[in-house]
Amino acid sequence: MNLETYVVERDGLPVKLTSKEFGILKLLAEHPGRVYTKTQIYASVWNDAFIGDDNIINVHMRRLREKLEEEPSDPRYIKTLWGLGYKLEADRT
């Protein structure tokens, strides 16, 4: 992930992300392992107060996983902590 050029690569190939997807990934990447609630993600990326529409965050996370994860249904990096939020996790081996 290159923060200056806004380029994200997977397996050496560029991945096209929307500005919101990039913003979410950047937020998670800045503090790997830190759990962010949906409210925190929305406030940071959308620069607005969260109005309680969980679906908008869920959809963006799903799209990010589809673009970045080998198995989006069993993600290695973008983890969900049910009832808490999301975090970026190091590779599990």
C-alpha atoms as a PDB file:
ATOM      1  CA  MET A   1       0.000   0.000   0.000  1.00  0.00           C
ATOM      2  CA  ASN A   2       1.553   3.263  -1.130  1.00  0.00           C
ATOM      3  CA  LEU A   3       0.028   6.221   0.705  1.00  0.00           C
ATOM      4  CA  GLU A   4       1.574   8.778  -1.645  1.00  0.00           C
ATOM      5  CA  THR A   5       0.319   7.292  -4.901  1.00  0.00           C
ATOM      6  CA  TYR A   6      -2.812   5.632  -3.509  1.00  0.00           C
ATOM      7  CA  VAL A   7      -1.753   2.358  -5.106  1.00  0.00           C
ATOM      8  CA  VAL A   8      -2.543  -0.969  -3.498  1.00  0.00           C
ATOM      9  CA  GLU A   9      -1.088  -4.190  -4.880  1.00  0.00           C
ATOM     10  CA  ARG A  10      -2.004  -7.815  -4.414  1.00  0.00           C
ATOM     11  CA  ASP A  11       0.455 -10.429  -5.645  1.00  0.00           C
ATOM     12  CA  GLY A  12       2.349  -7.668  -7.457  1.00  0.00           C
ATOM     13  CA  LEU A  13      -0.701  -6.465  -9.388  1.00  0.00           C
ATOM     14  CA  PRO A  14      -2.508  -3.169  -8.778  1.00  0.00           C
ATOM     15  CA  VAL A  15      -5.907  -3.356  -7.130  1.00  0.00           C
ATOM     16  CA  LYS A  16      -8.496  -0.707  -7.954  1.00  0.00           C
ATOM     17  CA  LEU A  17     -10.091   0.633  -4.798  1.00  0.00           C
ATOM     18  CA  THR A  18     -12.675   3.354  -4.362  1.00  0.00           C
ATOM     19  CA  SER A  19     -11.680   6.324  -2.229  1.00  0.00           C
ATOM     20  CA  LYS A  20     -13.781   4.979   0.662  1.00  0.00           C
ATOM     21  CA  GLU A  21     -12.238   1.493   0.366  1.00  0.00           C
ATOM     22  CA  PHE A  22      -8.779   3.042   0.353  1.00  0.00           C
ATOM     23  CA  GLY A  23      -9.688   5.199   3.344  1.00  0.00           C
ATOM     24  CA  ILE A  24     -10.861   2.177   5.329  1.00  0.00           C
ATOM     25  CA  LEU A  25      -7.754   0.189   4.437  1.00  0.00           C
ATOM     26  CA  LYS A  26      -5.505   3.128   5.317  1.00  0.00           C
ATOM     27  CA  LEU A  27      -7.214   3.547   8.689  1.00  0.00           C
ATOM     28  CA  LEU A  28      -6.801  -0.139   9.525  1.00  0.00           C
ATOM     29  CA  ALA A  29      -3.220  -0.250   8.225  1.00  0.00           C
ATOM     30  CA  GLU A  30      -2.131   2.729  10.309  1.00  0.00           C
ATOM     31  CA  HIS A  31      -2.728   0.691  13.486  1.00  0.00           C
ATOM     32  CA  PRO A  32      -2.596  -3.038  12.711  1.00  0.00           C
ATOM     33  CA  GLY A  33      -4.256  -5.084  15.411  1.00  0.00           C
ATOM     34  CA  ARG A  34      -6.327  -2.180  16.700  1.00  0.00           C
ATOM     35  CA  VAL A  35     -10.059  -2.809  16.622  1.00  0.00           C
ATOM     36  CA  TYR A  36     -12.181  -0.081  15.034  1.00  0.00           C
ATOM     37  CA  THR A  37     -15.914   0.074  15.573  1.00  0.00           C
ATOM     38  CA  LYS A  38     -18.222   0.825  12.675  1.00  0.00           C
ATOM     39  CA  THR A  39     -18.840   4.233  14.240  1.00  0.00           C
ATOM     40  CA  GLN A  40     -15.110   4.987  14.316  1.00  0.00           C
ATOM     41  CA  ILE A  41     -14.611   3.812  10.732  1.00  0.00           C
ATOM     42  CA  TYR A  42     -17.535   5.858   9.459  1.00  0.00           C
ATOM     43  CA  ALA A  43     -16.501   8.997  11.349  1.00  0.00           C
ATOM     44  CA  SER A  44     -12.913   8.725  10.113  1.00  0.00           C
ATOM     45  CA  VAL A  45     -13.519   7.783   6.469  1.00  0.00           C
ATOM     46  CA  TRP A  46     -16.775   9.624   5.759  1.00  0.00           C
ATOM     47  CA  ASN A  47     -15.912  12.574   8.044  1.00  0.00           C
ATOM     48  CA  ASP A  48     -19.465  12.537   9.287  1.00  0.00           C
ATOM     49  CA  ALA A  49     -21.473  11.293  12.243  1.00  0.00           C
ATOM     50  CA  PHE A  50     -22.516   7.655  12.026  1.00  0.00           C
ATOM     51  CA  ILE A  51     -26.285   7.397  11.587  1.00  0.00           C
ATOM     52  CA  GLY A  52     -26.498   3.728  12.460  1.00  0.00           C
ATOM     53  CA  ASP A  53     -26.641   2.197   8.982  1.00  0.00           C
ATOM     54  CA  ASP A  54     -24.423  -0.842   9.564  1.00  0.00           C
ATOM     55  CA  ASN A  55     -24.947  -2.024   6.010  1.00  0.00           C
ATOM     56  CA  ILE A  56     -22.755   0.688   4.474  1.00  0.00           C
ATOM     57  CA  ILE A  57     -19.723  -0.484   6.457  1.00  0.00           C
ATOM     58  CA  ASN A  58     -20.535  -4.164   5.886  1.00  0.00           C
ATOM     59  CA  VAL A  59     -20.738  -3.645   2.118  1.00  0.00           C
ATOM     60  CA  HIS A  60     -17.440  -1.763   1.970  1.00  0.00           C
ATOM     61  CA  MET A  61     -15.686  -4.409   4.069  1.00  0.00           C
ATOM     62  CA  ARG A  62     -17.042  -7.168   1.850  1.00  0.00           C
ATOM     63  CA  ARG A  63     -15.820  -5.385  -1.281  1.00  0.00           C
ATOM     64  CA  LEU A  64     -12.403  -4.806   0.254  1.00  0.00           C
ATOM     65  CA  ARG A  65     -12.135  -8.472   1.131  1.00  0.00           C
ATOM     66  CA  GLU A  66     -13.195  -9.506  -2.372  1.00  0.00           C
ATOM     67  CA  LYS A  67     -10.428  -7.363  -3.819  1.00  0.00           C
ATOM     68  CA  LEU A  68      -7.666  -8.157  -1.321  1.00  0.00           C
ATOM     69  CA  GLU A  69      -8.254 -11.573   0.169  1.00  0.00           C
ATOM     70  CA  GLU A  70      -7.680 -14.951  -1.475  1.00  0.00           C
ATOM     71  CA  GLU A  71     -10.724 -16.316   0.344  1.00  0.00           C
ATOM     72  CA  PRO A  72     -13.034 -13.382   1.157  1.00  0.00           C
ATOM     73  CA  SER A  73     -15.292 -15.657   3.231  1.00  0.00           C
ATOM     74  CA  ASP A  74     -12.299 -16.724   5.351  1.00  0.00           C
ATOM     75  CA  PRO A  75     -10.200 -13.553   5.465  1.00  0.00           C
ATOM     76  CA  ARG A  76      -6.573 -13.560   6.545  1.00  0.00           C
ATOM     77  CA  TYR A  77      -6.118  -9.841   6.974  1.00  0.00           C
ATOM     78  CA  ILE A  78      -9.347  -7.900   7.469  1.00  0.00           C
ATOM     79  CA  LYS A  79     -10.856  -9.558  10.508  1.00  0.00           C
ATOM     80  CA  THR A  80     -14.282  -9.103  12.038  1.00  0.00           C
ATOM     81  CA  LEU A  81     -14.598  -9.162  15.795  1.00  0.00           C
ATOM     82  CA  TRP A  82     -18.291  -9.829  16.214  1.00  0.00           C
ATOM     83  CA  GLY A  83     -20.003  -7.204  18.314  1.00  0.00           C
ATOM     84  CA  LEU A  84     -16.861  -5.045  18.344  1.00  0.00           C
ATOM     85  CA  GLY A  85     -15.647  -4.062  14.894  1.00  0.00           C
ATOM     86  CA  TYR A  86     -12.841  -4.706  12.445  1.00  0.00           C
ATOM     87  CA  LYS A  87      -9.069  -4.891  12.499  1.00  0.00           C
ATOM     88  CA  LEU A  88      -6.189  -5.528  10.144  1.00  0.00           C
ATOM     89  CA  GLU A  89      -4.316  -8.618  11.253  1.00  0.00           C
ATOM     90  CA  ALA A  90      -0.910  -9.894  10.279  1.00  0.00           C
ATOM     91  CA  ASP A  91      -0.733 -13.032   8.155  1.00  0.00           C
ATOM     92  CA  ARG A  92      -1.707 -16.107  10.130  1.00  0.00           C
ATOM     93  CA  THR A  93       0.496 -19.057   9.345  1.00  0.00           C
END
